[in-house]
Amino acid sequence: SVKGRFTISRDNVKNTVYLQMNSLKS
């Protein structure tokens, strides 16, 4: 349902994980 629109990344130095969400739908 989110493939191609959402991207997960991580920065282990900053101890943080991210979720970039594009082309958002209701």
PDB file of all heavy atoms in Angstrom:
ATOM      1  N   SER A   1       0.796  -1.215   0.000  1.00  0.00           N
ATOM      2  CA  SER A   1       0.000   0.000   0.000  1.00  0.00           C
ATOM      3  C   SER A   1       0.834   1.272   0.000  1.00  0.00           C
ATOM      4  O   SER A   1       0.336   2.335  -0.383  1.00  0.00           O
ATOM      5  CB  SER A   1      -0.953   0.009   1.199  1.00  0.00           C
ATOM      6  OG  SER A   1      -0.233  -0.075   2.414  1.00  0.00           O
ATOM      7  N   VAL A   2       2.102   1.183   0.435  1.00  0.00           N
ATOM      8  CA  VAL A   2       2.946   2.372   0.508  1.00  0.00           C
ATOM      9  C   VAL A   2       4.172   2.284  -0.384  1.00  0.00           C
ATOM     10  O   VAL A   2       4.901   3.272  -0.514  1.00  0.00           O
ATOM     11  CB  VAL A   2       3.392   2.659   1.961  1.00  0.00           C
ATOM     12  CG1 VAL A   2       2.192   2.741   2.891  1.00  0.00           C
ATOM     13  CG2 VAL A   2       4.386   1.609   2.447  1.00  0.00           C
ATOM     14  N   LYS A   3       4.402   1.137  -0.996  1.00  0.00           N
ATOM     15  CA  LYS A   3       5.588   0.938  -1.824  1.00  0.00           C
ATOM     16  C   LYS A   3       5.626   1.961  -2.956  1.00  0.00           C
ATOM     17  O   LYS A   3       4.630   2.183  -3.642  1.00  0.00           O
ATOM     18  CB  LYS A   3       5.597  -0.481  -2.379  1.00  0.00           C
ATOM     19  CG  LYS A   3       6.918  -0.925  -2.985  1.00  0.00           C
ATOM     20  CD  LYS A   3       6.872  -2.402  -3.356  1.00  0.00           C
ATOM     21  CE  LYS A   3       6.630  -3.282  -2.139  1.00  0.00           C
ATOM     22  NZ  LYS A   3       6.599  -4.727  -2.486  1.00  0.00           N
ATOM     23  N   GLY A   4       6.768   2.587  -3.126  1.00  0.00           N
ATOM     24  CA  GLY A   4       6.932   3.615  -4.138  1.00  0.00           C
ATOM     25  C   GLY A   4       6.616   5.010  -3.656  1.00  0.00           C
ATOM     26  O   GLY A   4       6.959   5.980  -4.335  1.00  0.00           O
ATOM     27  N   ARG A   5       5.964   5.127  -2.503  1.00  0.00           N
ATOM     28  CA  ARG A   5       5.616   6.435  -1.951  1.00  0.00           C
ATOM     29  C   ARG A   5       6.365   6.736  -0.661  1.00  0.00           C
ATOM     30  O   ARG A   5       6.716   7.887  -0.404  1.00  0.00           O
ATOM     31  CB  ARG A   5       4.113   6.524  -1.683  1.00  0.00           C
ATOM     32  CG  ARG A   5       3.251   6.341  -2.919  1.00  0.00           C
ATOM     33  CD  ARG A   5       1.784   6.644  -2.619  1.00  0.00           C
ATOM     34  NE  ARG A   5       1.226   5.742  -1.618  1.00  0.00           N
ATOM     35  CZ  ARG A   5       0.747   6.132  -0.442  1.00  0.00           C
ATOM     36  NH1 ARG A   5       0.741   7.415  -0.108  1.00  0.00           N
ATOM     37  NH2 ARG A   5       0.247   5.236   0.406  1.00  0.00           N
ATOM     38  N   PHE A   6       6.597   5.720   0.156  1.00  0.00           N
ATOM     39  CA  PHE A   6       7.260   5.892   1.451  1.00  0.00           C
ATOM     40  C   PHE A   6       8.676   5.328   1.385  1.00  0.00           C
ATOM     41  O   PHE A   6       8.934   4.335   0.692  1.00  0.00           O
ATOM     42  CB  PHE A   6       6.502   5.159   2.560  1.00  0.00           C
ATOM     43  CG  PHE A   6       5.174   5.746   2.924  1.00  0.00           C
ATOM     44  CD1 PHE A   6       4.579   6.746   2.174  1.00  0.00           C
ATOM     45  CD2 PHE A   6       4.503   5.280   4.045  1.00  0.00           C
ATOM     46  CE1 PHE A   6       3.346   7.279   2.514  1.00  0.00           C
ATOM     47  CE2 PHE A   6       3.274   5.801   4.407  1.00  0.00           C
ATOM     48  CZ  PHE A   6       2.694   6.797   3.641  1.00  0.00           C
ATOM     49  N   THR A   7       9.591   5.936   2.138  1.00  0.00           N
ATOM     50  CA  THR A   7      10.971   5.483   2.202  1.00  0.00           C
ATOM     51  C   THR A   7      11.450   5.485   3.644  1.00  0.00           C
ATOM     52  O   THR A   7      11.321   6.489   4.342  1.00  0.00           O
ATOM     53  CB  THR A   7      11.900   6.376   1.364  1.00  0.00           C
ATOM     54  OG1 THR A   7      11.457   6.405   0.002  1.00  0.00           O
ATOM     55  CG2 THR A   7      13.327   5.836   1.405  1.00  0.00           C
ATOM     56  N   ILE A   8      11.990   4.358   4.090  1.00  0.00           N
ATOM     57  CA  ILE A   8      12.575   4.240   5.421  1.00  0.00           C
ATOM     58  C   ILE A   8      14.087   4.405   5.317  1.00  0.00           C
ATOM     59  O   ILE A   8      14.718   3.852   4.415  1.00  0.00           O
ATOM     60  CB  ILE A   8      12.240   2.888   6.065  1.00  0.00           C
ATOM     61  CG1 ILE A   8      10.738   2.738   6.241  1.00  0.00           C
ATOM     62  CG2 ILE A   8      12.948   2.728   7.405  1.00  0.00           C
ATOM     63  CD1 ILE A   8      10.325   1.361   6.719  1.00  0.00           C
ATOM     64  N   SER A   9      14.651   5.150   6.245  1.00  0.00           N
ATOM     65  CA  SER A   9      16.093   5.281   6.327  1.00  0.00           C
ATOM     66  C   SER A   9      16.501   5.328   7.791  1.00  0.00           C
ATOM     67  O   SER A   9      15.654   5.471   8.679  1.00  0.00           O
ATOM     68  CB  SER A   9      16.587   6.528   5.582  1.00  0.00           C
ATOM     69  OG  SER A   9      16.041   7.704   6.150  1.00  0.00           O
ATOM     70  N   ARG A  10      17.798   5.186   8.041  1.00  0.00           N
ATOM     71  CA  ARG A  10      18.265   5.253   9.420  1.00  0.00           C
ATOM     72  C   ARG A  10      19.637   5.888   9.482  1.00  0.00           C
ATOM     73  O   ARG A  10      20.424   5.803   8.537  1.00  0.00           O
ATOM     74  CB  ARG A  10      18.276   3.862  10.070  1.00  0.00           C
ATOM     75  CG  ARG A  10      19.296   2.886   9.500  1.00  0.00           C
ATOM     76  CD  ARG A  10      19.057   1.476  10.052  1.00  0.00           C
ATOM     77  NE  ARG A  10      19.191   1.429  11.500  1.00  0.00           N
ATOM     78  CZ  ARG A  10      18.710   0.462  12.275  1.00  0.00           C
ATOM     79  NH1 ARG A  10      18.040  -0.554  11.730  1.00  0.00           N
ATOM     80  NH2 ARG A  10      18.889   0.501  13.587  1.00  0.00           N
ATOM     81  N   ASP A  11      19.893   6.534  10.608  1.00  0.00           N
ATOM     82  CA  ASP A  11      21.188   7.124  10.894  1.00  0.00           C
ATOM     83  C   ASP A  11      21.596   6.585  12.254  1.00  0.00           C
ATOM     84  O   ASP A  11      21.136   7.081  13.284  1.00  0.00           O
ATOM     85  CB  ASP A  11      21.113   8.644  10.891  1.00  0.00           C
ATOM     86  CG  ASP A  11      22.473   9.301  11.042  1.00  0.00           C
ATOM     87  OD1 ASP A  11      23.386   8.679  11.609  1.00  0.00           O
ATOM     88  OD2 ASP A  11      22.627  10.455  10.592  1.00  0.00           O
ATOM     89  N   ASN A  12      22.427   5.559  12.255  1.00  0.00           N
ATOM     90  CA  ASN A  12      22.795   4.914  13.512  1.00  0.00           C
ATOM     91  C   ASN A  12      23.677   5.798  14.385  1.00  0.00           C
ATOM     92  O   ASN A  12      23.740   5.601  15.598  1.00  0.00           O
ATOM     93  CB  ASN A  12      23.475   3.571  13.236  1.00  0.00           C
ATOM     94  CG  ASN A  12      22.504   2.509  12.763  1.00  0.00           C
ATOM     95  OD1 ASN A  12      21.290   2.642  12.927  1.00  0.00           O
ATOM     96  ND2 ASN A  12      23.031   1.449  12.173  1.00  0.00           N
ATOM     97  N   VAL A  13      24.370   6.759  13.777  1.00  0.00           N
ATOM     98  CA  VAL A  13      25.159   7.699  14.561  1.00  0.00           C
ATOM     99  C   VAL A  13      24.241   8.624  15.357  1.00  0.00           C
ATOM    100  O   VAL A  13      24.468   8.896  16.535  1.00  0.00           O
ATOM    101  CB  VAL A  13      26.108   8.513  13.666  1.00  0.00           C
ATOM    102  CG1 VAL A  13      26.817   9.585  14.482  1.00  0.00           C
ATOM    103  CG2 VAL A  13      27.115   7.596  12.995  1.00  0.00           C
ATOM    104  N   LYS A  14      23.182   9.105  14.716  1.00  0.00           N
ATOM    105  CA  LYS A  14      22.206   9.959  15.382  1.00  0.00           C
ATOM    106  C   LYS A  14      21.177   9.164  16.179  1.00  0.00           C
ATOM    107  O   LYS A  14      20.350   9.754  16.876  1.00  0.00           O
ATOM    108  CB  LYS A  14      21.482  10.834  14.366  1.00  0.00           C
ATOM    109  CG  LYS A  14      22.365  11.858  13.681  1.00  0.00           C
ATOM    110  CD  LYS A  14      21.558  12.722  12.730  1.00  0.00           C
ATOM    111  CE  LYS A  14      22.416  13.786  12.079  1.00  0.00           C
ATOM    112  NZ  LYS A  14      21.637  14.628  11.139  1.00  0.00           N
ATOM    113  N   ASN A  15      21.211   7.840  16.048  1.00  0.00           N
ATOM    114  CA  ASN A  15      20.287   6.970  16.775  1.00  0.00           C
ATOM    115  C   ASN A  15      18.833   7.282  16.407  1.00  0.00           C
ATOM    116  O   ASN A  15      17.942   7.313  17.258  1.00  0.00           O
ATOM    117  CB  ASN A  15      20.481   7.107  18.284  1.00  0.00           C
ATOM    118  CG  ASN A  15      20.722   5.779  18.973  1.00  0.00           C
ATOM    119  OD1 ASN A  15      21.175   4.808  18.358  1.00  0.00           O
ATOM    120  ND2 ASN A  15      20.423   5.721  20.260  1.00  0.00           N
ATOM    121  N   THR A  16      18.598   7.489  15.124  1.00  0.00           N
ATOM    122  CA  THR A  16      17.293   7.913  14.643  1.00  0.00           C
ATOM    123  C   THR A  16      16.913   7.150  13.375  1.00  0.00           C
ATOM    124  O   THR A  16      17.772   6.878  12.527  1.00  0.00           O
ATOM    125  CB  THR A  16      17.282   9.422  14.359  1.00  0.00           C
ATOM    126  OG1 THR A  16      17.628  10.133  15.555  1.00  0.00           O
ATOM    127  CG2 THR A  16      15.909   9.880  13.904  1.00  0.00           C
ATOM    128  N   VAL A  17      15.636   6.813  13.264  1.00  0.00           N
ATOM    129  CA  VAL A  17      15.064   6.179  12.083  1.00  0.00           C
ATOM    130  C   VAL A  17      14.023   7.126  11.500  1.00  0.00           C
ATOM    131  O   VAL A  17      13.321   7.820  12.245  1.00  0.00           O
ATOM    132  CB  VAL A  17      14.441   4.821  12.431  1.00  0.00           C
ATOM    133  CG1 VAL A  17      13.883   4.144  11.190  1.00  0.00           C
ATOM    134  CG2 VAL A  17      15.468   3.922  13.095  1.00  0.00           C
ATOM    135  N   TYR A  18      13.906   7.144  10.172  1.00  0.00           N
ATOM    136  CA  TYR A  18      13.034   8.094   9.495  1.00  0.00           C
ATOM    137  C   TYR A  18      12.038   7.371   8.600  1.00  0.00           C
ATOM    138  O   TYR A  18      12.299   6.284   8.085  1.00  0.00           O
ATOM    139  CB  TYR A  18      13.846   9.064   8.640  1.00  0.00           C
ATOM    140  CG  TYR A  18      14.916   9.796   9.397  1.00  0.00           C
ATOM    141  CD1 TYR A  18      16.217   9.318   9.432  1.00  0.00           C
ATOM    142  CD2 TYR A  18      14.630  10.972  10.081  1.00  0.00           C
ATOM    143  CE1 TYR A  18      17.207   9.986  10.130  1.00  0.00           C
ATOM    144  CE2 TYR A  18      15.607  11.647  10.782  1.00  0.00           C
ATOM    145  CZ  TYR A  18      16.893  11.153  10.804  1.00  0.00           C
ATOM    146  OH  TYR A  18      17.865  11.824  11.500  1.00  0.00           O
ATOM    147  N   LEU A  19      10.898   8.012   8.399  1.00  0.00           N
ATOM    148  CA  LEU A  19       9.918   7.566   7.422  1.00  0.00           C
ATOM    149  C   LEU A  19       9.525   8.768   6.575  1.00  0.00           C
ATOM    150  O   LEU A  19       8.806   9.655   7.043  1.00  0.00           O
ATOM    151  CB  LEU A  19       8.685   6.960   8.090  1.00  0.00           C
ATOM    152  CG  LEU A  19       7.601   6.458   7.143  1.00  0.00           C
ATOM    153  CD1 LEU A  19       8.106   5.263   6.332  1.00  0.00           C
ATOM    154  CD2 LEU A  19       6.337   6.081   7.915  1.00  0.00           C
ATOM    155  N   GLN A  20      10.024   8.812   5.347  1.00  0.00           N
ATOM    156  CA  GLN A  20       9.663   9.863   4.406  1.00  0.00           C
ATOM    157  C   GLN A  20       8.403   9.436   3.669  1.00  0.00           C
ATOM    158  O   GLN A  20       8.385   8.393   3.024  1.00  0.00           O
ATOM    159  CB  GLN A  20      10.796  10.116   3.419  1.00  0.00           C
ATOM    160  CG  GLN A  20      10.479  11.169   2.362  1.00  0.00           C
ATOM    161  CD  GLN A  20      10.295  12.545   2.951  1.00  0.00           C
ATOM    162  OE1 GLN A  20      11.137  13.019   3.695  1.00  0.00           O
ATOM    163  NE2 GLN A  20       9.180  13.189   2.622  1.00  0.00           N
ATOM    164  N   MET A  21       7.355  10.240   3.758  1.00  0.00           N
ATOM    165  CA  MET A  21       6.069   9.926   3.161  1.00  0.00           C
ATOM    166  C   MET A  21       5.755  10.948   2.080  1.00  0.00           C
ATOM    167  O   MET A  21       5.612  12.137   2.364  1.00  0.00           O
ATOM    168  CB  MET A  21       4.966   9.913   4.218  1.00  0.00           C
ATOM    169  CG  MET A  21       5.248   8.973   5.383  1.00  0.00           C
ATOM    170  SD  MET A  21       3.870   8.883   6.557  1.00  0.00           S
ATOM    171  CE  MET A  21       3.884  10.563   7.195  1.00  0.00           C
ATOM    172  N   ASN A  22       5.645  10.484   0.856  1.00  0.00           N
ATOM    173  CA  ASN A  22       5.327  11.330  -0.284  1.00  0.00           C
ATOM    174  C   ASN A  22       4.010  10.895  -0.905  1.00  0.00           C
ATOM    175  O   ASN A  22       3.525   9.797  -0.668  1.00  0.00           O
ATOM    176  CB  ASN A  22       6.436  11.263  -1.337  1.00  0.00           C
ATOM    177  CG  ASN A  22       7.766  11.764  -0.840  1.00  0.00           C
ATOM    178  OD1 ASN A  22       7.833  12.719  -0.059  1.00  0.00           O
ATOM    179  ND2 ASN A  22       8.851  11.140  -1.293  1.00  0.00           N
ATOM    180  N   SER A  23       3.450  11.765  -1.729  1.00  0.00           N
ATOM    181  CA  SER A  23       2.194  11.475  -2.429  1.00  0.00           C
ATOM    182  C   SER A  23       1.134  10.961  -1.470  1.00  0.00           C
ATOM    183  O   SER A  23       0.477   9.948  -1.707  1.00  0.00           O
ATOM    184  CB  SER A  23       2.445  10.462  -3.558  1.00  0.00           C
ATOM    185  OG  SER A  23       3.400  10.945  -4.475  1.00  0.00           O
ATOM    186  N   LEU A  24       0.949  11.677  -0.381  1.00  0.00           N
ATOM    187  CA  LEU A  24       0.044  11.229   0.676  1.00  0.00           C
ATOM    188  C   LEU A  24      -1.393  11.150   0.181  1.00  0.00           C
ATOM    189  O   LEU A  24      -1.841  11.970  -0.625  1.00  0.00           O
ATOM    190  CB  LEU A  24       0.135  12.161   1.872  1.00  0.00           C
ATOM    191  CG  LEU A  24       1.401  11.996   2.727  1.00  0.00           C
ATOM    192  CD1 LEU A  24       1.582  13.194   3.643  1.00  0.00           C
ATOM    193  CD2 LEU A  24       1.318  10.707   3.544  1.00  0.00           C
ATOM    194  N   LYS A  25      -2.102  10.157   0.696  1.00  0.00           N
ATOM    195  CA  LYS A  25      -3.507   9.935   0.401  1.00  0.00           C
ATOM    196  C   LYS A  25      -4.311   9.996   1.692  1.00  0.00           C
ATOM    197  O   LYS A  25      -3.770   9.820   2.777  1.00  0.00           O
ATOM    198  CB  LYS A  25      -3.703   8.560  -0.254  1.00  0.00           C
ATOM    199  CG  LYS A  25      -2.861   8.317  -1.485  1.00  0.00           C
ATOM    200  CD  LYS A  25      -3.022   6.883  -1.974  1.00  0.00           C
ATOM    201  CE  LYS A  25      -2.185   6.611  -3.198  1.00  0.00           C
ATOM    202  NZ  LYS A  25      -2.326   5.204  -3.669  1.00  0.00           N
ATOM    203  N   SER A  26      -5.603  10.212   1.568  1.00  0.00           N
ATOM    204  CA  SER A  26      -6.445  10.286   2.754  1.00  0.00           C
ATOM    205  C   SER A  26      -6.390   8.990   3.559  1.00  0.00           C
ATOM    206  O   SER A  26      -6.479   9.021   4.793  1.00  0.00           O
ATOM    207  CB  SER A  26      -7.889  10.612   2.380  1.00  0.00           C
ATOM    208  OG  SER A  26      -8.425   9.631   1.511  1.00  0.00           O
TER     209      SER A  26
END
